[in-house]
Amino acid sequence: MKIKELETNLRPREKVLSYGLESLSDLEILALLLQSGSKNRSVFDLAKDVMCKCDNLEKLFDLRVEDLMEIKGIKHVKALQILTGIELCKRALKKKNYGASILEPKDLAAWFQMEIGLKDQEHFVAVYLNAKGRIITHKILYVGTLTESCVHPRDIFHDAFIYKAHSLIMVHNHPSGDITPSPQDIEFTKRIYELALLSGIQLLDHVIVGNKDWFSFKQHQYLD
C-alpha cells in the first residue's frame, strides 16, 4: 500500500508529528527514512526488503551500498540515505562515549557492538583513558581472520605511553557471535594485566562483543 492511500493519521510523518518517533514501527521508520518508493514499488515494499536484508535490523550496521542496491527499486541515492543515517548514529554514539567518563563496561559495549560486533573478521581495539576516565583516543590494533588474532603487548603499551594514558580498556569481537572467552583470550588478558601493573597503567577491563551481547572480564572477576 502506498502512503497516500493510508488514512492521514496512519501516515508515518503525521504519526511522528502527533505522537513522536517512538510511535513508529521499525518498518515505518525505514519508510520515513527512504521518503518514497520507486516507479512500481511502494516505500513500504522497499522498507520490507531492507528489513529482510538486515535480518530485522540485527545486521543493519553492517550493510553496504552493494547490499542495498540488490533490492529492486533502491539505487545509489536511497542506499546512501540509509547508510548516512547509520553513520550518523555511529558518530553520535562515539561522540557520547568520548564526552563521558567510562565507569562500567556497558558504557562502551553498545558503541563497539555497533562498530565491530558484526564484523566477519576479529578486530582488536585499545581504548586509552585519562585520570578522569575520559577517552583520550582509541586504536584498532589488529584485524585478523575468523580463527586467529595476533596483538603484541608492545603495541598496546606503546600508544598508552605516547598518549600518557592513566588506564586502558581492551575490546575485541567474536565473529561467531559467541562471546565466551577462549583459553587464549583468558591467557592474553592475564598477561596484559600483569604488564599493566608493572607499567603503572591500569587495565580496567577487557570486553568481548558479539552481534547480540557482550562479555566483561572485570565483571566476571578475571581482573581481581
Protein backbone atom coordinates (compact mmCIF):
# COMPACT_ATOMS: atom_id res chain seq x y z
CA MET A 1 0.00 0.00 0.00
CA LYS A 2 1.22 3.48 -0.89
CA ILE A 3 1.49 6.12 1.85
CA LYS A 4 -1.04 8.39 0.13
CA GLU A 5 -3.57 5.54 0.26
CA LEU A 6 -3.37 5.38 4.05
CA GLU A 7 -5.63 7.39 6.31
CA THR A 8 -3.88 10.62 7.23
CA ASN A 9 -3.43 9.71 10.89
CA LEU A 10 -1.71 6.43 9.90
CA ARG A 11 0.94 8.00 7.67
CA PRO A 12 4.45 7.91 9.22
CA ARG A 13 5.08 11.66 9.04
CA GLU A 14 1.73 12.53 10.55
CA LYS A 15 2.20 9.93 13.31
CA VAL A 16 5.58 11.41 14.19
CA LEU A 17 4.15 14.92 14.39
CA SER A 18 1.30 13.75 16.61
CA TYR A 19 2.91 11.07 18.75
CA GLY A 20 6.70 11.23 18.24
CA LEU A 21 9.17 8.89 16.56
CA GLU A 22 8.66 6.31 19.31
CA SER A 23 5.18 5.64 17.94
CA LEU A 24 6.54 4.27 14.65
CA SER A 25 7.33 0.63 13.97
CA ASP A 26 10.76 -0.31 12.61
CA LEU A 27 9.21 -0.65 9.17
CA GLU A 28 7.63 2.80 9.35
CA ILE A 29 10.91 4.41 10.44
CA LEU A 30 12.68 2.87 7.44
CA ALA A 31 9.87 4.04 5.17
CA LEU A 32 10.20 7.56 6.58
CA LEU A 33 13.96 7.46 6.01
CA LEU A 34 13.53 6.26 2.41
CA GLN A 35 10.91 9.00 1.85
CA SER A 36 9.40 7.50 -1.33
CA GLY A 37 9.04 4.32 -3.31
CA SER A 38 10.15 3.55 -6.85
CA LYS A 39 8.11 3.51 -10.07
CA ASN A 40 6.49 0.14 -9.43
CA ARG A 41 7.06 -0.38 -5.72
CA SER A 42 5.78 1.47 -2.67
CA VAL A 43 8.09 2.81 0.01
CA PHE A 44 6.76 0.09 2.33
CA ASP A 45 7.78 -2.59 -0.20
CA LEU A 46 11.31 -1.19 -0.20
CA ALA A 47 11.36 -0.93 3.59
CA LYS A 48 10.25 -4.57 3.94
CA ASP A 49 13.08 -5.70 1.66
CA VAL A 50 15.60 -3.67 3.66
CA MET A 51 14.30 -5.31 6.84
CA CYS A 52 14.81 -8.74 5.26
CA LYS A 53 18.28 -7.78 4.02
CA CYS A 54 19.43 -6.83 7.53
CA ASP A 55 17.60 -9.63 9.39
CA ASN A 56 15.06 -7.30 11.03
CA LEU A 57 17.70 -4.68 11.92
CA GLU A 58 20.05 -7.22 13.52
CA LYS A 59 22.66 -6.65 10.78
CA LEU A 60 21.71 -3.07 9.92
CA PHE A 61 25.08 -1.60 10.87
CA ASP A 62 26.91 -3.99 8.57
CA LEU A 63 25.01 -3.05 5.40
CA ARG A 64 26.92 -1.82 2.36
CA VAL A 65 25.81 0.17 -0.69
CA GLU A 66 26.10 -3.00 -2.77
CA ASP A 67 23.82 -4.91 -0.40
CA LEU A 68 21.08 -2.30 -0.55
CA MET A 69 21.29 -1.91 -4.32
CA GLU A 70 20.46 -5.59 -4.71
CA ILE A 71 16.93 -4.59 -3.71
CA LYS A 72 14.69 -3.78 -6.64
CA GLY A 73 13.85 -0.07 -6.52
CA ILE A 74 16.87 1.02 -4.47
CA LYS A 75 19.66 2.83 -6.28
CA HIS A 76 22.58 4.92 -5.06
CA VAL A 77 20.51 7.78 -3.64
CA LYS A 78 18.25 5.66 -1.43
CA ALA A 79 21.12 3.37 -0.42
CA LEU A 80 23.10 6.41 0.72
CA GLN A 81 20.08 7.81 2.59
CA ILE A 82 20.05 4.69 4.76
CA LEU A 83 23.82 4.43 5.18
CA THR A 84 24.07 8.13 6.06
CA GLY A 85 21.56 7.60 8.87
CA ILE A 86 23.56 4.61 10.12
CA GLU A 87 26.84 6.53 10.02
CA LEU A 88 25.28 9.44 11.90
CA CYS A 89 24.16 7.02 14.66
CA LYS A 90 27.69 5.62 14.92
CA ARG A 91 29.25 9.08 15.16
CA ALA A 92 26.73 10.24 17.75
CA LEU A 93 27.44 7.19 19.93
CA LYS A 94 31.19 7.67 19.55
CA LYS A 95 30.84 11.36 20.48
CA LYS A 96 28.77 10.44 23.52
CA ASN A 97 31.41 7.96 24.70
CA TYR A 98 34.26 10.39 24.14
CA GLY A 99 32.47 13.05 26.16
CA ALA A 100 31.60 10.92 29.19
CA SER A 101 33.55 9.20 31.93
CA ILE A 102 33.74 5.46 31.31
CA LEU A 103 32.72 3.87 34.58
CA GLU A 104 31.40 0.46 33.53
CA PRO A 105 31.86 -1.86 30.53
CA LYS A 106 28.30 -1.17 29.42
CA ASP A 107 29.40 2.42 28.76
CA LEU A 108 31.47 1.12 25.85
CA ALA A 109 29.65 -2.07 24.90
CA ALA A 110 26.86 -0.53 22.81
CA TRP A 111 29.30 1.56 20.80
CA PHE A 112 31.61 -1.32 19.96
CA GLN A 113 28.78 -3.74 19.30
CA MET A 114 27.77 -1.31 16.58
CA GLU A 115 31.34 -0.69 15.39
CA ILE A 116 32.79 -4.20 15.30
CA GLY A 117 30.20 -6.62 16.70
CA LEU A 118 29.01 -7.69 13.25
CA LYS A 119 32.40 -7.83 11.52
CA ASP A 120 33.34 -11.15 9.94
CA GLN A 121 36.96 -10.70 11.00
CA GLU A 122 38.27 -10.30 14.50
CA HIS A 123 39.06 -6.69 15.44
CA PHE A 124 41.14 -5.79 18.48
CA VAL A 125 40.79 -2.27 19.88
CA ALA A 126 42.60 -0.49 22.69
CA VAL A 127 40.79 2.41 24.37
CA TYR A 128 43.02 4.85 26.27
CA LEU A 129 41.64 6.94 29.14
CA ASN A 130 42.86 9.81 31.29
CA ALA A 131 42.76 10.00 35.09
CA LYS A 132 39.10 11.10 35.00
CA GLY A 133 38.05 8.09 32.95
CA ARG A 134 37.51 10.07 29.76
CA ILE A 135 38.63 8.63 26.46
CA ILE A 136 41.81 10.14 25.05
CA THR A 137 41.70 8.05 21.90
CA HIS A 138 41.06 4.52 20.68
CA LYS A 139 43.07 2.44 18.25
CA ILE A 140 42.29 -0.61 16.15
CA LEU A 141 45.50 -2.55 16.69
CA TYR A 142 44.69 -5.68 14.77
CA VAL A 143 42.29 -7.07 12.20
CA GLY A 144 42.57 -10.83 11.96
CA THR A 145 40.85 -13.78 10.39
CA LEU A 146 37.88 -15.71 11.67
CA THR A 147 40.17 -18.08 13.55
CA GLU A 148 43.26 -16.17 14.61
CA SER A 149 44.37 -12.94 16.18
CA CYS A 150 47.81 -11.56 16.95
CA VAL A 151 48.27 -8.49 19.13
CA HIS A 152 51.63 -7.84 20.72
CA PRO A 153 51.68 -6.21 24.18
CA ARG A 154 54.21 -3.64 23.00
CA ASP A 155 51.64 -2.29 20.51
CA ILE A 156 49.15 -1.79 23.32
CA PHE A 157 51.53 -0.05 25.73
CA HIS A 158 53.37 1.94 23.05
CA ASP A 159 50.32 4.11 22.42
CA ALA A 160 49.46 4.17 26.12
CA PHE A 161 52.77 5.88 26.85
CA ILE A 162 52.54 8.19 23.84
CA TYR A 163 49.12 9.48 24.94
CA LYS A 164 50.09 9.46 28.62
CA ALA A 165 47.12 7.26 29.41
CA HIS A 166 46.16 6.60 33.00
CA SER A 167 44.30 3.42 32.12
CA LEU A 168 43.10 1.34 29.18
CA ILE A 169 40.30 -0.97 28.14
CA MET A 170 40.74 -3.71 25.57
CA VAL A 171 37.86 -4.61 23.27
CA HIS A 172 37.59 -7.30 20.63
CA ASN A 173 34.82 -9.06 18.76
CA HIS A 174 33.96 -12.70 18.24
CA PRO A 175 32.66 -13.02 14.66
CA SER A 176 30.91 -16.26 15.62
CA GLY A 177 28.63 -14.29 17.94
CA ASP A 178 29.64 -16.49 20.90
CA ILE A 179 31.09 -14.09 23.47
CA THR A 180 32.54 -16.81 25.71
CA PRO A 181 36.26 -16.06 26.18
CA SER A 182 38.60 -18.64 24.73
CA PRO A 183 41.55 -20.01 26.74
CA GLN A 184 43.76 -17.78 24.58
CA ASP A 185 41.63 -14.74 25.46
CA ILE A 186 41.98 -15.51 29.17
CA GLU A 187 45.72 -16.10 28.99
CA PHE A 188 46.31 -12.95 26.95
CA THR A 189 44.22 -10.85 29.34
CA LYS A 190 46.16 -12.11 32.36
CA ARG A 191 49.43 -11.29 30.62
CA ILE A 192 48.36 -7.73 29.78
CA TYR A 193 47.02 -7.27 33.31
CA GLU A 194 50.38 -8.22 34.81
CA LEU A 195 52.29 -5.98 32.41
CA ALA A 196 49.91 -3.12 33.16
CA LEU A 197 50.68 -3.43 36.88
CA LEU A 198 54.40 -3.20 36.13
CA SER A 199 53.98 -0.24 33.80
CA GLY A 200 51.73 1.77 36.12
CA ILE A 201 48.89 1.83 33.60
CA GLN A 202 45.70 0.24 34.87
CA LEU A 203 43.89 -2.34 32.76
CA LEU A 204 40.28 -1.52 33.59
CA ASP A 205 38.63 -4.23 31.54
CA HIS A 206 38.68 -6.47 28.51
CA VAL A 207 35.33 -6.56 26.72
CA ILE A 208 34.29 -9.11 24.12
CA VAL A 209 31.43 -8.05 21.87
CA GLY A 210 29.21 -10.09 19.59
CA ASN A 211 26.23 -9.21 17.46
CA LYS A 212 23.78 -9.52 20.35
CA ASP A 213 25.68 -9.48 23.63
CA TRP A 214 28.97 -8.69 25.34
CA PHE A 215 31.27 -10.12 27.99
CA SER A 216 33.29 -8.22 30.61
CA PHE A 217 36.41 -9.79 32.14
CA LYS A 218 36.10 -7.34 35.03
CA GLN A 219 32.51 -8.26 35.81
CA HIS A 220 33.42 -11.93 35.76
CA GLN A 221 36.26 -11.26 38.19
CA TYR A 222 39.14 -12.18 35.90
CA LEU A 223 40.91 -8.92 36.81
CA ASP A 224 40.63 -9.13 40.61
